[in-house]
PDB file of N, CA and C in Angstrom:
ATOM      1  N   MET A   1      -3.340 -12.400  17.845  1.00  0.00           N
ATOM      2  CA  MET A   1      -2.434 -12.730  16.707  1.00  0.00           C
ATOM      3  C   MET A   1      -0.981 -13.152  17.566  1.00  0.00           C
ATOM      4  N   ALA A   2      -1.158 -13.640  18.514  1.00  0.00           N
ATOM      5  CA  ALA A   2       0.481 -13.393  19.342  1.00  0.00           C
ATOM      6  C   ALA A   2       0.860 -14.762  18.656  1.00  0.00           C
ATOM      7  N   GLY A   3       2.207 -14.815  18.119  1.00  0.00           N
ATOM      8  CA  GLY A   3       2.832 -15.814  17.765  1.00  0.00           C
ATOM      9  C   GLY A   3       2.778 -15.914  16.357  1.00  0.00           C
ATOM     10  N   LYS A   4       1.760 -15.376  15.591  1.00  0.00           N
ATOM     11  CA  LYS A   4       1.404 -15.526  13.980  1.00  0.00           C
ATOM     12  C   LYS A   4       2.013 -14.071  13.678  1.00  0.00           C
ATOM     13  N   GLN A   5       2.407 -14.494  12.637  1.00  0.00           N
ATOM     14  CA  GLN A   5       3.076 -12.829  11.532  1.00  0.00           C
ATOM     15  C   GLN A   5       2.352 -12.358  11.016  1.00  0.00           C
ATOM     16  N   MET A   6       2.008 -11.174  10.874  1.00  0.00           N
ATOM     17  CA  MET A   6       0.990 -10.498  10.364  1.00  0.00           C
ATOM     18  C   MET A   6       1.314 -10.157   8.916  1.00  0.00           C
ATOM     19  N   PRO A   7       0.382  -9.889   8.049  1.00  0.00           N
ATOM     20  CA  PRO A   7       1.291  -9.343   6.776  1.00  0.00           C
ATOM     21  C   PRO A   7       1.423  -7.995   6.852  1.00  0.00           C
ATOM     22  N   GLY A   8       2.088  -7.409   5.804  1.00  0.00           N
ATOM     23  CA  GLY A   8       2.258  -5.895   5.493  1.00  0.00           C
ATOM     24  C   GLY A   8       1.408  -5.432   4.544  1.00  0.00           C
ATOM     25  N   PHE A   9       1.186  -4.081   4.603  1.00  0.00           N
ATOM     26  CA  PHE A   9       0.153  -3.447   3.305  1.00  0.00           C
ATOM     27  C   PHE A   9       1.044  -2.591   2.693  1.00  0.00           C
ATOM     28  N   ILE A  10       0.870  -2.707   1.515  1.00  0.00           N
ATOM     29  CA  ILE A  10       1.716  -1.693   0.297  1.00  0.00           C
ATOM     30  C   ILE A  10       0.624  -1.241  -0.538  1.00  0.00           C
ATOM     31  N   MET A  11       0.812  -0.331  -0.562  1.00  0.00           N
ATOM     32  CA  MET A  11      -0.309   0.543  -1.564  1.00  0.00           C
ATOM     33  C   MET A  11       0.270   1.464  -2.619  1.00  0.00           C
ATOM     34  N   CYS A  12      -0.298   1.150  -3.621  1.00  0.00           N
ATOM     35  CA  CYS A  12       0.502   2.178  -4.757  1.00  0.00           C
ATOM     36  C   CYS A  12      -0.400   3.354  -4.901  1.00  0.00           C
ATOM     37  N   ALA A  13       0.285   4.235  -5.026  1.00  0.00           N
ATOM     38  CA  ALA A  13      -0.682   5.835  -4.859  1.00  0.00           C
ATOM     39  C   ALA A  13      -0.866   6.348  -6.534  1.00  0.00           C
ATOM     40  N   CYS A  14      -0.281   5.444  -7.729  1.00  0.00           N
ATOM     41  CA  CYS A  14      -0.395   6.167  -8.773  1.00  0.00           C
ATOM     42  C   CYS A  14       0.237   7.441  -8.894  1.00  0.00           C
ATOM     43  N   THR A  15       0.832   8.208  -7.858  1.00  0.00           N
ATOM     44  CA  THR A  15       1.403   9.356  -8.142  1.00  0.00           C
ATOM     45  C   THR A  15       0.298  10.487  -8.109  1.00  0.00           C
ATOM     46  N   ARG A  16      -0.848   9.803  -7.344  1.00  0.00           N
ATOM     47  CA  ARG A  16      -1.994  10.889  -7.111  1.00  0.00           C
ATOM     48  C   ARG A  16      -2.574  11.916  -8.337  1.00  0.00           C
ATOM     49  N   LYS A  17      -2.336  11.532  -9.335  1.00  0.00           N
ATOM     50  CA  LYS A  17      -2.811  12.036 -10.613  1.00  0.00           C
ATOM     51  C   LYS A  17      -4.468  11.253 -11.336  1.00  0.00           C
ATOM     52  N   CYS A  18      -4.226  10.386 -10.903  1.00  0.00           N
ATOM     53  CA  CYS A  18      -5.196   9.480 -11.209  1.00  0.00           C
ATOM     54  C   CYS A  18      -6.530  10.341 -10.463  1.00  0.00           C
ATOM     55  N   PRO A  19      -7.679  10.198 -11.456  1.00  0.00           N
ATOM     56  CA  PRO A  19      -8.730  11.037 -10.943  1.00  0.00           C
ATOM     57  C   PRO A  19      -9.443  10.627  -9.371  1.00  0.00           C
ATOM     58  N   GLY A  20      -9.385   8.981  -9.243  1.00  0.00           N
ATOM     59  CA  GLY A  20      -9.851   8.443  -7.846  1.00  0.00           C
ATOM     60  C   GLY A  20      -9.045   9.010  -6.818  1.00  0.00           C
ATOM     61  N   PHE A  21      -7.773   9.842  -7.290  1.00  0.00           N
ATOM     62  CA  PHE A  21      -7.193  10.339  -5.629  1.00  0.00           C
ATOM     63  C   PHE A  21      -7.172  11.368  -5.415  1.00  0.00           C
ATOM     64  N   THR A  22      -7.703  12.247  -6.029  1.00  0.00           N
ATOM     65  CA  THR A  22      -8.152  13.921  -6.263  1.00  0.00           C
ATOM     66  C   THR A  22      -8.350  14.166  -4.836  1.00  0.00           C
ATOM     67  N   LYS A  23      -9.550  13.788  -4.089  1.00  0.00           N
ATOM     68  CA  LYS A  23      -9.995  14.046  -2.780  1.00  0.00           C
ATOM     69  C   LYS A  23      -9.688  13.280  -1.634  1.00  0.00           C
ATOM     70  N   MET A  24      -8.974  11.979  -1.984  1.00  0.00           N
ATOM     71  CA  MET A  24      -8.415  10.927  -1.164  1.00  0.00           C
ATOM     72  C   MET A  24      -7.245  11.527  -0.128  1.00  0.00           C
ATOM     73  N   ASP A  25      -7.505  11.584   1.030  1.00  0.00           N
ATOM     74  CA  ASP A  25      -6.233  11.702   2.048  1.00  0.00           C
ATOM     75  C   ASP A  25      -5.509  10.618   2.475  1.00  0.00           C
ATOM     76  N   ILE A  26      -4.071   9.999   1.380  1.00  0.00           N
ATOM     77  CA  ILE A  26      -3.732   9.225   1.607  1.00  0.00           C
ATOM     78  C   ILE A  26      -2.981   8.798   2.684  1.00  0.00           C
ATOM     79  N   TRP A  27      -2.809  10.100   3.330  1.00  0.00           N
ATOM     80  CA  TRP A  27      -1.890   9.825   4.641  1.00  0.00           C
ATOM     81  C   TRP A  27      -2.891   9.261   5.686  1.00  0.00           C
ATOM     82  N   ASP A  28      -4.258   9.588   5.778  1.00  0.00           N
ATOM     83  CA  ASP A  28      -4.796   9.294   7.008  1.00  0.00           C
ATOM     84  C   ASP A  28      -5.557   7.997   6.429  1.00  0.00           C
ATOM     85  N   PHE A  29      -5.575   7.483   4.806  1.00  0.00           N
ATOM     86  CA  PHE A  29      -5.935   6.274   4.584  1.00  0.00           C
ATOM     87  C   PHE A  29      -4.888   5.107   5.184  1.00  0.00           C
ATOM     88  N   ILE A  30      -3.537   5.704   4.940  1.00  0.00           N
ATOM     89  CA  ILE A  30      -2.721   4.200   5.698  1.00  0.00           C
ATOM     90  C   ILE A  30      -2.252   4.315   6.654  1.00  0.00           C
ATOM     91  N   ASN A  31      -2.562   5.577   7.627  1.00  0.00           N
ATOM     92  CA  ASN A  31      -2.530   5.589   9.197  1.00  0.00           C
ATOM     93  C   ASN A  31      -3.763   4.515   9.691  1.00  0.00           C
ATOM     94  N   ARG A  32      -5.077   4.645   8.863  1.00  0.00           N
ATOM     95  CA  ARG A  32      -6.186   3.931   9.554  1.00  0.00           C
ATOM     96  C   ARG A  32      -5.972   2.887   9.050  1.00  0.00           C
ATOM     97  N   VAL A  33      -5.190   2.161   8.121  1.00  0.00           N
ATOM     98  CA  VAL A  33      -5.035   0.821   7.548  1.00  0.00           C
ATOM     99  C   VAL A  33      -4.039   0.456   8.850  1.00  0.00           C
ATOM    100  N   ARG A  34      -2.863   0.985   8.810  1.00  0.00           N
ATOM    101  CA  ARG A  34      -2.120   0.503  10.388  1.00  0.00           C
ATOM    102  C   ARG A  34      -2.820   0.414  11.385  1.00  0.00           C
ATOM    103  N   ILE A  35      -3.552   1.463  12.049  1.00  0.00           N
ATOM    104  CA  ILE A  35      -4.317   1.067  13.246  1.00  0.00           C
ATOM    105  C   ILE A  35      -5.485  -0.019  13.294  1.00  0.00           C
ATOM    106  N   GLU A  36      -6.100  -0.066  12.062  1.00  0.00           N
ATOM    107  CA  GLU A  36      -7.658  -0.770  12.255  1.00  0.00           C
ATOM    108  C   GLU A  36      -7.486  -2.242  11.624  1.00  0.00           C
ATOM    109  N   LEU A  37      -6.606  -2.262  10.644  1.00  0.00           N
ATOM    110  CA  LEU A  37      -6.239  -3.688   9.942  1.00  0.00           C
ATOM    111  C   LEU A  37      -5.333  -4.476  10.721  1.00  0.00           C
ATOM    112  N   PRO A  38      -5.389  -5.812  10.895  1.00  0.00           N
ATOM    113  CA  PRO A  38      -4.371  -6.627  11.465  1.00  0.00           C
ATOM    114  C   PRO A  38      -3.454  -6.849  10.447  1.00  0.00           C
ATOM    115  N   VAL A  39      -2.349  -5.545  10.332  1.00  0.00           N
ATOM    116  CA  VAL A  39      -1.230  -5.835   9.404  1.00  0.00           C
ATOM    117  C   VAL A  39       0.125  -4.997  10.294  1.00  0.00           C
ATOM    118  N   GLU A  40       0.941  -5.800  10.094  1.00  0.00           N
ATOM    119  CA  GLU A  40       2.572  -4.986  10.898  1.00  0.00           C
ATOM    120  C   GLU A  40       2.604  -3.575  10.706  1.00  0.00           C
ATOM    121  N   TYR A  41       2.727  -3.110   9.129  1.00  0.00           N
ATOM    122  CA  TYR A  41       3.169  -1.853   8.845  1.00  0.00           C
ATOM    123  C   TYR A  41       2.034  -1.625   7.617  1.00  0.00           C
ATOM    124  N   GLY A  42       2.447  -0.437   7.262  1.00  0.00           N
ATOM    125  CA  GLY A  42       1.632   0.261   6.217  1.00  0.00           C
ATOM    126  C   GLY A  42       2.556   0.929   5.107  1.00  0.00           C
ATOM    127  N   LEU A  43       2.696   0.806   3.740  1.00  0.00           N
ATOM    128  CA  LEU A  43       3.888   1.502   3.287  1.00  0.00           C
ATOM    129  C   LEU A  43       2.891   2.048   2.061  1.00  0.00           C
ATOM    130  N   ILE A  44       3.256   3.203   1.296  1.00  0.00           N
ATOM    131  CA  ILE A  44       2.851   3.728   0.297  1.00  0.00           C
ATOM    132  C   ILE A  44       3.922   4.191  -0.765  1.00  0.00           C
ATOM    133  N   HIS A  45       3.834   3.493  -2.103  1.00  0.00           N
ATOM    134  CA  HIS A  45       4.797   3.597  -3.101  1.00  0.00           C
ATOM    135  C   HIS A  45       4.365   4.712  -4.038  1.00  0.00           C
ATOM    136  N   PRO A  46       4.879   5.458  -4.656  1.00  0.00           N
ATOM    137  CA  PRO A  46       4.183   6.686  -5.372  1.00  0.00           C
ATOM    138  C   PRO A  46       3.632   6.207  -6.696  1.00  0.00           C
ATOM    139  N   GLN A  47       4.705   5.088  -7.476  1.00  0.00           N
ATOM    140  CA  GLN A  47       4.343   4.119  -8.627  1.00  0.00           C
ATOM    141  C   GLN A  47       4.704   2.936  -8.877  1.00  0.00           C
ATOM    142  N   LEU A  48       4.537   1.856  -8.408  1.00  0.00           N
ATOM    143  CA  LEU A  48       5.051   0.745  -8.622  1.00  0.00           C
ATOM    144  C   LEU A  48       4.858  -0.018  -9.576  1.00  0.00           C
ATOM    145  N   CYS A  49       4.272   0.410 -10.748  1.00  0.00           N
ATOM    146  CA  CYS A  49       4.211   0.288 -12.079  1.00  0.00           C
ATOM    147  C   CYS A  49       5.541   0.552 -13.090  1.00  0.00           C
ATOM    148  N   GLU A  50       6.256   1.666 -12.214  1.00  0.00           N
ATOM    149  CA  GLU A  50       7.376   2.117 -12.873  1.00  0.00           C
ATOM    150  C   GLU A  50       8.519   1.319 -12.856  1.00  0.00           C
ATOM    151  N   VAL A  51       9.582   1.431 -13.369  1.00  0.00           N
ATOM    152  CA  VAL A  51      11.085   0.474 -13.113  1.00  0.00           C
ATOM    153  C   VAL A  51      11.262   0.754 -11.636  1.00  0.00           C
ATOM    154  N   ASP A  52      11.472   1.954 -11.120  1.00  0.00           N
ATOM    155  CA  ASP A  52      11.839   1.716  -9.735  1.00  0.00           C
ATOM    156  C   ASP A  52      10.715   0.816  -8.816  1.00  0.00           C
ATOM    157  N   GLY A  53       9.781   0.894  -9.100  1.00  0.00           N
ATOM    158  CA  GLY A  53       8.877   0.190  -8.174  1.00  0.00           C
ATOM    159  C   GLY A  53       9.291  -1.201  -8.569  1.00  0.00           C
ATOM    160  N   ASP A  54       9.173  -2.082  -9.730  1.00  0.00           N
ATOM    161  CA  ASP A  54       9.591  -3.036  -9.924  1.00  0.00           C
ATOM    162  C   ASP A  54      10.835  -3.617  -9.031  1.00  0.00           C
ATOM    163  N   ARG A  55      12.043  -2.517  -9.162  1.00  0.00           N
ATOM    164  CA  ARG A  55      12.944  -2.731  -8.365  1.00  0.00           C
ATOM    165  C   ARG A  55      12.846  -2.563  -7.069  1.00  0.00           C
ATOM    166  N   PHE A  56      11.873  -1.919  -6.733  1.00  0.00           N
ATOM    167  CA  PHE A  56      11.517  -2.033  -5.039  1.00  0.00           C
ATOM    168  C   PHE A  56      10.787  -3.384  -4.798  1.00  0.00           C
ATOM    169  N   LEU A  57       9.888  -3.905  -5.336  1.00  0.00           N
ATOM    170  CA  LEU A  57       9.182  -5.104  -5.186  1.00  0.00           C
ATOM    171  C   LEU A  57       9.873  -6.081  -5.351  1.00  0.00           C
ATOM    172  N   ALA A  58      11.040  -6.388  -6.475  1.00  0.00           N
ATOM    173  CA  ALA A  58      11.902  -7.319  -6.465  1.00  0.00           C
ATOM    174  C   ALA A  58      12.865  -7.548  -5.307  1.00  0.00           C
ATOM    175  N   GLU A  59      13.374  -6.494  -4.430  1.00  0.00           N
ATOM    176  CA  GLU A  59      13.843  -6.406  -3.387  1.00  0.00           C
ATOM    177  C   GLU A  59      13.160  -6.852  -2.100  1.00  0.00           C
ATOM    178  N   PHE A  60      11.989  -6.228  -1.701  1.00  0.00           N
ATOM    179  CA  PHE A  60      10.784  -6.358  -0.830  1.00  0.00           C
ATOM    180  C   PHE A  60      10.892  -7.772  -0.852  1.00  0.00           C
ATOM    181  N   LEU A  61      10.230  -8.303  -1.942  1.00  0.00           N
ATOM    182  CA  LEU A  61       9.315  -9.564  -1.780  1.00  0.00           C
ATOM    183  C   LEU A  61      10.377 -10.863  -1.238  1.00  0.00           C
ATOM    184  N   LYS A  62      11.913 -10.400  -1.884  1.00  0.00           N
ATOM    185  CA  LYS A  62      12.663 -11.536  -1.137  1.00  0.00           C
ATOM    186  C   LYS A  62      12.706 -12.060   0.147  1.00  0.00           C
ATOM    187  N   THR A  63      12.154 -11.186   1.017  1.00  0.00           N
ATOM    188  CA  THR A  63      11.708 -11.191   2.584  1.00  0.00           C
ATOM    189  C   THR A  63      10.873 -12.565   2.767  1.00  0.00           C
ATOM    190  N   HIS A  64      10.251 -13.010   1.920  1.00  0.00           N
ATOM    191  CA  HIS A  64       9.344 -13.991   1.745  1.00  0.00           C
ATOM    192  C   HIS A  64       8.274 -14.178   3.469  1.00  0.00           C
ATOM    193  N   ARG A  65       8.114 -12.903   3.488  1.00  0.00           N
ATOM    194  CA  ARG A  65       6.724 -12.860   4.341  1.00  0.00           C
ATOM    195  C   ARG A  65       5.426 -12.251   3.716  1.00  0.00           C
ATOM    196  N   LYS A  66       4.382 -12.738   4.097  1.00  0.00           N
ATOM    197  CA  LYS A  66       3.239 -12.123   3.830  1.00  0.00           C
ATOM    198  C   LYS A  66       2.908 -10.553   3.698  1.00  0.00           C
ATOM    199  N   LYS A  67       2.550 -10.073   2.237  1.00  0.00           N
ATOM    200  CA  LYS A  67       2.332  -8.644   2.110  1.00  0.00           C
ATOM    201  C   LYS A  67       0.919  -8.633   1.511  1.00  0.00           C
ATOM    202  N   VAL A  68       0.253  -7.545   1.593  1.00  0.00           N
ATOM    203  CA  VAL A  68      -1.055  -7.000   0.919  1.00  0.00           C
ATOM    204  C   VAL A  68      -0.506  -5.808  -0.025  1.00  0.00           C
ATOM    205  N   VAL A  69      -0.884  -5.952  -1.314  1.00  0.00           N
ATOM    206  CA  VAL A  69      -0.377  -4.964  -2.101  1.00  0.00           C
ATOM    207  C   VAL A  69      -1.614  -4.710  -2.669  1.00  0.00           C
ATOM    208  N   GLU A  70      -1.766  -3.210  -2.596  1.00  0.00           N
ATOM    209  CA  GLU A  70      -3.178  -2.518  -2.936  1.00  0.00           C
ATOM    210  C   GLU A  70      -3.066  -1.816  -3.770  1.00  0.00           C
ATOM    211  N   GLU A  71      -3.685  -1.598  -5.235  1.00  0.00           N
ATOM    212  CA  GLU A  71      -3.462  -0.742  -5.922  1.00  0.00           C
ATOM    213  C   GLU A  71      -5.028   0.068  -6.143  1.00  0.00           C
ATOM    214  N   LEU A  72      -5.187   1.087  -5.792  1.00  0.00           N
ATOM    215  CA  LEU A  72      -6.070   1.789  -5.286  1.00  0.00           C
ATOM    216  C   LEU A  72      -6.676   2.787  -6.572  1.00  0.00           C
ATOM    217  N   VAL A  73      -7.339   2.432  -7.439  1.00  0.00           N
ATOM    218  CA  VAL A  73      -7.786   3.367  -8.622  1.00  0.00           C
ATOM    219  C   VAL A  73      -9.500   3.092  -8.596  1.00  0.00           C
ATOM    220  N   LYS A  74      -9.918   3.608  -7.195  1.00  0.00           N
ATOM    221  CA  LYS A  74     -11.294   3.583  -6.681  1.00  0.00           C
ATOM    222  C   LYS A  74     -11.809   5.077  -6.880  1.00  0.00           C
ATOM    223  N   LYS A  75     -13.004   5.220  -7.166  1.00  0.00           N
ATOM    224  CA  LYS A  75     -13.340   6.624  -7.566  1.00  0.00           C
ATOM    225  C   LYS A  75     -13.840   7.155  -5.905  1.00  0.00           C
ATOM    226  N   SER A  76     -13.504   8.743  -5.687  1.00  0.00           N
ATOM    227  CA  SER A  76     -13.680   9.060  -4.602  1.00  0.00           C
ATOM    228  C   SER A  76     -14.938   9.595  -4.323  1.00  0.00           C
ATOM    229  N   ASN A  77     -15.894   9.491  -5.267  1.00  0.00           N
ATOM    230  CA  ASN A  77     -17.267   9.529  -5.023  1.00  0.00           C
ATOM    231  C   ASN A  77     -17.887   8.407  -5.095  1.00  0.00           C
ATOM    232  N   ALA A  78     -17.563   7.374  -5.075  1.00  0.00           N
ATOM    233  CA  ALA A  78     -18.409   6.049  -5.019  1.00  0.00           C
ATOM    234  C   ALA A  78     -18.788   6.115  -3.441  1.00  0.00           C
TER     235      ALA A  78
END
């Protein structure tokens, strides 16, 4: 991917109180994203749906670069 700008990966962790997060190691997950996917960086925010998340995204998205925003609410037993 030389010369091509890679996207960033942003994950909302929903404060880890959702049932799907009880057994998930978010630090291992985001590290695997960084290493295994063609992304320039991985970032975790505790709750993008709250006011501070809105402010963060509004500021962050001003950079006009590609981003992958993932809101994970998957069952860990799936």
